Amino acid sequence: MRTNTLTAVAAATGSLLLATGLTACGGSSSAADEKTVTVYSADGLKGENGDGWYDRVFKDFTRKTGIKVEYVEGGSGEMVQRAVREKSHTQADVLVTLPPFIQQAAEKHLLASYAPAGADRVDSADKAADGTWTSVVNNYFGFIHNKKELKTAPTTWEELLDAKYKNKLQYSTPGVAGDGTAVLVKAMHDFGGTQQAMDYLKKLQANNVGPSASTGKLAPKVDKGELLVANGDVQMNHARSKDMPHLGIWFPRASGGRPTTFALPYAAGLVKNAPHTANGKKLLDFMLATEQQQEVSAIGGGFAARTDVKATDENARALAKIMDGVEIFEPDWNDMAAHLRSYVQDWKSATGG
């Protein structure tokens, strides 16, 4: 895994609509469905009050094209599994998940090859070489804590083993939620191996409230003080901190080490045999357009996927400050996708999850 120190970052993310009835079948659409596109997405880009990046992008897309966006949200693993179940009668046109689930979707042949306009401006590490997926919003994994209840913010993994965190700590479920799976990725990196990470997570289980299919449900609990610490990601939690003032973002480190994180982008792909393929392509093009990418940080609190978009808004400056001095490593996502079931089983064995 490569490492580097991030000293400045910029631009990204947000929000959206709620799904309505999904009745189209794969490969064809009726006249009534021709002005529709269905998105299956991991949570995090939808605004709590209709003020997120998805909200703005989908509203503008509909206004400019007349195509209505139907939106279905869940954990990354949940969305992939739903698409698998529907493979013989495809419902979704566009799938958006976090790694390693987007790689998993590609391996399951759920995605068609399509490079959206502007994909040439996306870093090679943030898109598939075969064109099956492209990042539309960049992001980084992190943890949150309640700033009001914790006078001193935690800094290390080891601190979370303290009895004061008993039933006050929760992380989303690995294998189901993208951010939950990210807990395994970071622990395996920080502790230097799979077994060392599982040994730690076994100890941490004494304080863990229990499973959560959705990472997004944890932030309100932290803000209210029901939890002191939870997992999450920088984009989602920075965006929500506007309405949840007690959220603080931090990056655990192993004792003697440095705080670390890794890119956890929202990656989008065109679903194979989608009912509205042409509309799906138009939406992917629209999300990667310069104007929409420039709105990523200002509206959504995240980072632009396009390298030629440099944000200087207030959110972009705040994000750069959050990430300053944090060591960035690059996971082997192909390995994670190939061995995800094994890693999740190791976690279940260690924690009883």
Protein backbone atom coordinates (compact mmCIF):
# COMPACT_ATOMS: atom_id res chain seq x y z
CA MET A 1 0.00 0.00 0.00
CA ARG A 2 1.32 3.43 -0.90
CA THR A 3 1.28 6.22 1.70
CA ASN A 4 1.52 9.97 1.53
CA THR A 5 0.56 12.92 3.70
CA LEU A 6 -2.40 15.00 2.60
CA THR A 7 -1.79 18.66 3.28
CA ALA A 8 -4.61 20.17 1.33
CA VAL A 9 -7.75 18.81 -0.22
CA ALA A 10 -10.70 20.24 -2.02
CA ALA A 11 -14.30 19.93 -3.13
CA ALA A 12 -17.36 17.69 -2.74
CA THR A 13 -20.84 16.13 -1.86
CA GLY A 14 -24.41 15.85 -0.72
CA SER A 15 -28.08 14.87 -0.99
CA LEU A 16 -31.57 13.89 -2.49
CA LEU A 17 -35.09 12.59 -3.24
CA LEU A 18 -36.91 9.49 -2.08
CA ALA A 19 -37.71 6.56 -4.32
CA THR A 20 -41.16 5.85 -5.63
CA GLY A 21 -42.53 2.68 -7.20
CA LEU A 22 -40.08 0.75 -9.37
CA THR A 23 -41.93 -1.20 -12.02
CA ALA A 24 -39.71 -1.22 -15.09
CA CYS A 25 -38.20 -4.51 -16.21
CA GLY A 26 -34.67 -4.95 -17.53
CA GLY A 27 -33.89 -4.06 -21.09
CA SER A 28 -37.03 -2.20 -22.07
CA SER A 29 -39.28 0.64 -20.95
CA SER A 30 -42.78 1.81 -21.71
CA ALA A 31 -43.56 5.28 -23.01
CA ALA A 32 -44.47 6.34 -19.48
CA ASP A 33 -41.04 5.24 -18.24
CA GLU A 34 -38.93 6.87 -20.95
CA LYS A 35 -38.37 10.01 -18.88
CA THR A 36 -37.15 8.10 -15.81
CA VAL A 37 -33.79 6.99 -14.44
CA THR A 38 -33.41 4.85 -11.31
CA VAL A 39 -30.42 5.20 -8.99
CA TYR A 40 -29.44 2.66 -6.32
CA SER A 41 -26.99 4.40 -3.97
CA ALA A 42 -25.10 4.09 -0.73
CA ASP A 43 -26.20 6.66 1.85
CA GLY A 44 -24.28 9.86 2.51
CA LEU A 45 -25.00 12.06 -0.50
CA LYS A 46 -28.62 12.75 0.36
CA GLY A 47 -29.25 15.88 2.42
CA GLU A 48 -31.26 15.69 5.62
CA ASN A 49 -33.33 18.69 4.54
CA GLY A 50 -33.23 18.30 0.79
CA ASP A 51 -30.11 20.45 0.59
CA GLY A 52 -27.44 17.95 -0.43
CA TRP A 53 -25.41 17.36 -3.56
CA TYR A 54 -27.76 14.69 -4.87
CA ASP A 55 -30.74 16.98 -4.27
CA ARG A 56 -29.19 19.77 -6.32
CA VAL A 57 -27.82 17.52 -9.06
CA PHE A 58 -31.02 15.53 -9.57
CA LYS A 59 -33.21 18.63 -9.51
CA ASP A 60 -31.01 20.36 -12.12
CA PHE A 61 -30.82 17.18 -14.20
CA THR A 62 -34.61 16.86 -14.31
CA ARG A 63 -35.01 20.55 -15.12
CA LYS A 64 -32.57 20.36 -18.02
CA THR A 65 -33.53 16.97 -19.46
CA GLY A 66 -37.08 16.30 -18.28
CA ILE A 67 -35.89 12.95 -16.90
CA LYS A 68 -37.16 12.16 -13.40
CA VAL A 69 -34.77 10.50 -10.94
CA GLU A 70 -36.12 7.62 -8.84
CA TYR A 71 -33.82 7.10 -5.84
CA VAL A 72 -33.27 4.04 -3.63
CA GLU A 73 -30.81 4.26 -0.72
CA GLY A 74 -29.14 1.70 1.52
CA GLY A 75 -25.78 0.30 2.59
CA SER A 76 -23.30 -0.40 -0.20
CA GLY A 77 -23.49 -4.17 0.26
CA GLU A 78 -27.26 -4.01 0.49
CA MET A 79 -27.52 -2.17 -2.83
CA VAL A 80 -25.24 -4.67 -4.59
CA GLN A 81 -27.19 -7.62 -3.21
CA ARG A 82 -30.45 -6.05 -4.34
CA ALA A 83 -29.05 -5.62 -7.84
CA VAL A 84 -27.93 -9.27 -7.81
CA ARG A 85 -31.41 -10.45 -6.83
CA GLU A 86 -32.92 -8.37 -9.63
CA LYS A 87 -30.44 -9.47 -12.29
CA SER A 88 -33.09 -11.29 -14.32
CA HIS A 89 -35.45 -8.29 -14.15
CA THR A 90 -33.15 -5.31 -13.77
CA GLN A 91 -34.65 -2.33 -11.96
CA ALA A 92 -31.70 0.05 -11.48
CA ASP A 93 -30.02 2.11 -14.18
CA VAL A 94 -27.15 3.53 -12.12
CA LEU A 95 -25.44 1.96 -9.10
CA VAL A 96 -23.40 4.09 -6.66
CA THR A 97 -21.46 2.39 -3.85
CA LEU A 98 -18.26 2.68 -1.85
CA PRO A 99 -15.30 0.33 -2.41
CA PRO A 100 -14.89 -2.62 -2.32
CA PHE A 101 -18.54 -3.08 -3.25
CA ILE A 102 -18.27 -1.31 -6.61
CA GLN A 103 -15.45 -3.73 -7.51
CA GLN A 104 -17.65 -6.57 -6.27
CA ALA A 105 -20.50 -5.36 -8.48
CA ALA A 106 -18.17 -5.37 -11.47
CA GLU A 107 -16.95 -8.89 -10.64
CA LYS A 108 -20.56 -10.07 -10.47
CA HIS A 109 -21.05 -8.67 -14.00
CA LEU A 110 -23.68 -6.20 -12.82
CA LEU A 111 -22.10 -3.23 -14.59
CA ALA A 112 -21.80 -2.27 -18.24
CA SER A 113 -18.69 -0.57 -19.55
CA TYR A 114 -19.26 3.16 -19.96
CA ALA A 115 -16.84 6.05 -19.50
CA PRO A 116 -18.86 9.20 -18.74
CA ALA A 117 -17.88 12.51 -20.30
CA GLY A 118 -15.18 13.94 -18.04
CA ALA A 119 -13.92 10.53 -16.87
CA ASP A 120 -10.58 11.35 -18.48
CA ARG A 121 -10.20 13.99 -15.75
CA VAL A 122 -10.62 11.42 -12.96
CA ASP A 123 -7.46 9.91 -11.47
CA SER A 124 -6.76 6.37 -12.65
CA ALA A 125 -6.97 5.07 -9.08
CA ASP A 126 -10.54 6.37 -8.86
CA LYS A 127 -11.98 4.57 -11.87
CA ALA A 128 -11.99 1.11 -13.39
CA ALA A 129 -9.61 0.45 -16.27
CA ASP A 130 -12.41 -1.34 -18.13
CA GLY A 131 -14.85 1.56 -17.71
CA THR A 132 -17.32 -0.28 -15.47
CA TRP A 133 -17.23 2.43 -12.79
CA THR A 134 -16.01 5.94 -12.16
CA SER A 135 -15.86 7.94 -8.92
CA VAL A 136 -18.29 10.87 -8.91
CA VAL A 137 -17.50 12.19 -5.42
CA ASN A 138 -14.25 11.59 -3.57
CA ASN A 139 -14.26 11.00 0.15
CA TYR A 140 -12.19 9.70 3.06
CA PHE A 141 -12.93 7.30 5.89
CA GLY A 142 -13.02 8.64 9.43
CA PHE A 143 -14.59 8.42 12.86
CA ILE A 144 -16.80 10.88 14.75
CA HIS A 145 -17.05 11.74 18.42
CA ASN A 146 -19.35 13.89 20.55
CA LYS A 147 -17.42 17.13 21.18
CA LYS A 148 -19.68 18.19 24.05
CA GLU A 149 -19.43 15.00 26.12
CA LEU A 150 -15.78 14.29 25.45
CA LYS A 151 -13.69 17.17 26.77
CA THR A 152 -10.62 15.53 25.22
CA ALA A 153 -11.10 13.86 21.87
CA PRO A 154 -9.80 10.30 21.50
CA THR A 155 -6.71 9.81 19.36
CA THR A 156 -5.86 6.09 19.42
CA TRP A 157 -7.65 2.82 18.83
CA GLU A 158 -6.50 1.69 22.26
CA GLU A 159 -8.37 4.52 24.01
CA LEU A 160 -11.65 3.09 22.75
CA LEU A 161 -11.14 0.01 24.94
CA ASP A 162 -11.69 2.18 28.04
CA ALA A 163 -14.76 1.30 30.11
CA LYS A 164 -16.22 4.79 29.62
CA TYR A 165 -17.07 3.79 26.04
CA LYS A 166 -19.11 0.74 27.08
CA ASN A 167 -22.43 0.88 25.18
CA LYS A 168 -21.38 4.33 23.95
CA LEU A 169 -19.55 3.15 20.84
CA GLN A 170 -20.92 1.68 17.62
CA TYR A 171 -19.71 0.99 14.10
CA SER A 172 -21.73 -0.11 11.09
CA THR A 173 -21.65 -3.74 10.01
CA PRO A 174 -18.73 -4.90 7.83
CA GLY A 175 -19.90 -6.62 4.67
CA VAL A 176 -23.18 -4.69 4.74
CA ALA A 177 -22.18 -1.03 4.99
CA GLY A 178 -19.28 0.47 3.05
CA ASP A 179 -18.08 2.47 6.06
CA GLY A 180 -18.42 -0.64 8.21
CA THR A 181 -16.19 -2.59 5.87
CA ALA A 182 -13.80 0.37 6.01
CA VAL A 183 -13.33 -0.27 9.74
CA LEU A 184 -11.76 -3.62 8.82
CA VAL A 185 -9.60 -2.03 6.11
CA LYS A 186 -8.20 0.61 8.45
CA ALA A 187 -7.72 -1.74 11.41
CA MET A 188 -5.89 -4.27 9.23
CA HIS A 189 -3.60 -1.50 7.99
CA ASP A 190 -3.00 0.22 11.33
CA PHE A 191 -2.37 -2.98 13.30
CA GLY A 192 -0.25 -4.57 10.58
CA GLY A 193 -2.31 -7.59 9.61
CA THR A 194 -5.64 -9.41 9.61
CA GLN A 195 -5.12 -11.38 12.83
CA GLN A 196 -3.86 -8.35 14.76
CA ALA A 197 -6.91 -6.36 13.63
CA MET A 198 -9.32 -9.14 14.62
CA ASP A 199 -7.64 -9.48 18.02
CA TYR A 200 -8.25 -5.79 18.62
CA LEU A 201 -11.86 -5.80 17.36
CA LYS A 202 -12.56 -8.77 19.63
CA LYS A 203 -11.53 -6.63 22.61
CA LEU A 204 -13.48 -3.64 21.29
CA GLN A 205 -16.66 -5.72 21.14
CA ALA A 206 -17.04 -5.34 24.92
CA ASN A 207 -17.91 -1.67 24.32
CA ASN A 208 -19.76 -2.00 21.00
CA VAL A 209 -23.53 -1.41 21.07
CA GLY A 210 -24.08 -3.85 18.22
CA PRO A 211 -24.69 -4.07 14.47
CA SER A 212 -26.00 -1.27 12.28
CA ALA A 213 -26.80 -1.75 8.60
CA SER A 214 -26.54 1.98 7.94
CA THR A 215 -23.67 4.25 8.91
CA GLY A 216 -25.86 7.29 8.37
CA LYS A 217 -28.03 6.39 11.36
CA LEU A 218 -25.09 6.70 13.76
CA ALA A 219 -24.32 10.42 13.39
CA PRO A 220 -27.57 11.62 15.03
CA LYS A 221 -26.90 9.30 17.97
CA VAL A 222 -23.42 10.75 18.41
CA ASP A 223 -24.70 14.31 18.14
CA LYS A 224 -27.32 13.64 20.84
CA GLY A 225 -24.80 11.94 23.13
CA GLU A 226 -26.42 8.51 22.93
CA LEU A 227 -23.07 7.42 21.51
CA LEU A 228 -19.68 8.95 22.19
CA VAL A 229 -17.92 7.47 19.15
CA ALA A 230 -18.95 5.96 15.82
CA ASN A 231 -17.52 5.37 12.38
CA GLY A 232 -18.39 7.37 9.30
CA ASP A 233 -16.72 9.31 6.53
CA VAL A 234 -15.47 12.84 6.13
CA GLN A 235 -17.96 14.00 3.49
CA MET A 236 -21.10 12.73 5.18
CA ASN A 237 -20.17 13.89 8.66
CA HIS A 238 -18.80 17.28 7.63
CA ALA A 239 -22.01 17.94 5.70
CA ARG A 240 -24.15 16.88 8.66
CA SER A 241 -22.16 18.88 11.20
CA LYS A 242 -24.00 21.98 10.00
CA ASP A 243 -27.16 20.61 11.64
CA MET A 244 -25.39 18.42 14.21
CA PRO A 245 -22.99 20.79 15.97
CA HIS A 246 -21.60 18.23 18.42
CA LEU A 247 -20.00 16.05 15.72
CA GLY A 248 -16.21 16.05 15.63
CA ILE A 249 -14.22 14.19 12.96
CA TRP A 250 -11.08 12.27 13.92
CA PHE A 251 -8.81 9.50 12.62
CA PRO A 252 -7.71 6.72 15.02
CA ARG A 253 -4.07 5.75 15.11
CA ALA A 254 -2.32 2.79 16.65
CA SER A 255 -0.19 3.61 19.70
CA GLY A 256 3.08 5.05 18.46
CA GLY A 257 1.72 5.59 14.96
CA ARG A 258 0.25 8.47 13.00
CA PRO A 259 -3.42 9.14 12.25
CA THR A 260 -4.32 7.45 8.97
CA THR A 261 -7.14 7.25 6.48
CA PHE A 262 -7.79 6.23 2.90
CA ALA A 263 -9.93 7.35 -0.01
CA LEU A 264 -13.46 6.00 0.10
CA PRO A 265 -15.08 7.45 -3.02
CA TYR A 266 -18.67 7.24 -4.16
CA ALA A 267 -18.19 5.24 -7.35
CA ALA A 268 -20.91 5.04 -9.99
CA GLY A 269 -21.52 2.51 -12.73
CA LEU A 270 -24.09 1.93 -15.44
CA VAL A 271 -26.10 -1.20 -14.65
CA LYS A 272 -25.95 -3.90 -17.32
CA ASN A 273 -29.25 -4.46 -19.15
CA ALA A 274 -30.69 -1.40 -17.42
CA PRO A 275 -34.27 -0.45 -18.32
CA HIS A 276 -33.21 3.10 -19.21
CA THR A 277 -29.61 2.81 -20.38
CA ALA A 278 -29.56 6.07 -22.36
CA ASN A 279 -30.92 8.01 -19.38
CA GLY A 280 -28.37 6.37 -17.08
CA LYS A 281 -25.56 7.52 -19.36
CA LYS A 282 -26.94 11.05 -19.41
CA LEU A 283 -27.07 11.16 -15.61
CA LEU A 284 -23.50 9.87 -15.24
CA ASP A 285 -22.31 12.50 -17.73
CA PHE A 286 -24.19 15.16 -15.78
CA MET A 287 -22.74 14.17 -12.40
CA LEU A 288 -19.19 14.41 -13.76
CA ALA A 289 -19.74 17.72 -15.56
CA THR A 290 -17.58 20.61 -14.35
CA GLU A 291 -20.50 22.60 -12.91
CA GLN A 292 -21.75 19.71 -10.79
CA GLN A 293 -18.24 18.83 -9.65
CA GLN A 294 -17.67 22.42 -8.55
CA GLU A 295 -20.73 22.08 -6.30
CA VAL A 296 -19.43 19.00 -4.54
CA SER A 297 -17.69 20.76 -1.65
CA ALA A 298 -19.85 23.87 -1.41
CA ILE A 299 -23.12 21.90 -1.27
CA GLY A 300 -22.19 18.37 -0.27
CA GLY A 301 -19.18 18.86 1.97
CA GLY A 302 -17.01 16.44 0.02
CA PHE A 303 -14.24 16.29 -2.57
CA ALA A 304 -14.51 16.62 -6.34
CA ALA A 305 -13.74 13.49 -8.35
CA ARG A 306 -12.30 15.50 -11.24
CA THR A 307 -8.68 16.53 -10.77
CA ASP A 308 -9.17 19.70 -12.80
CA VAL A 309 -11.76 21.08 -10.37
CA LYS A 310 -10.14 23.04 -7.57
CA ALA A 311 -12.56 24.32 -4.95
CA THR A 312 -11.79 27.31 -2.73
CA ASP A 313 -15.11 27.68 -0.93
CA GLU A 314 -15.53 27.66 2.85
CA ASN A 315 -16.22 23.92 2.97
CA ALA A 316 -13.15 23.16 0.87
CA ARG A 317 -10.95 25.15 3.27
CA ALA A 318 -12.49 23.40 6.29
CA LEU A 319 -11.97 19.99 4.68
CA ALA A 320 -8.33 20.77 3.96
CA LYS A 321 -7.86 21.65 7.64
CA ILE A 322 -9.53 18.39 8.76
CA MET A 323 -7.24 16.35 6.53
CA ASP A 324 -4.02 18.24 7.22
CA GLY A 325 -1.26 15.96 8.49
CA VAL A 326 -3.29 12.76 8.11
CA GLU A 327 -1.40 9.93 6.41
CA ILE A 328 -3.23 8.53 3.38
CA PHE A 329 -2.76 4.90 2.38
CA GLU A 330 -4.13 3.08 -0.65
CA PRO A 331 -5.88 -0.24 0.06
CA ASP A 332 -5.73 -3.12 -2.37
CA TRP A 333 -9.41 -2.97 -3.33
CA ASN A 334 -9.17 -5.92 -5.71
CA ASP A 335 -7.92 -8.06 -2.83
CA MET A 336 -10.68 -6.73 -0.58
CA ALA A 337 -13.34 -7.50 -3.17
CA ALA A 338 -11.96 -10.99 -3.80
CA HIS A 339 -11.61 -11.90 -0.11
CA LEU A 340 -14.37 -9.80 1.43
CA ARG A 341 -16.43 -12.80 2.51
CA SER A 342 -13.39 -14.31 4.23
CA TYR A 343 -12.51 -11.07 6.04
CA VAL A 344 -16.10 -10.58 7.17
CA GLN A 345 -16.21 -14.18 8.43
CA ASP A 346 -12.98 -13.54 10.38
CA TRP A 347 -14.64 -10.49 11.92
CA LYS A 348 -17.78 -12.46 12.82
CA SER A 349 -15.68 -15.19 14.42
CA ALA A 350 -13.70 -12.64 16.42
CA THR A 351 -16.64 -10.56 17.60
CA GLY A 352 -19.55 -12.97 17.55
CA GLY A 353 -21.21 -10.62 15.06
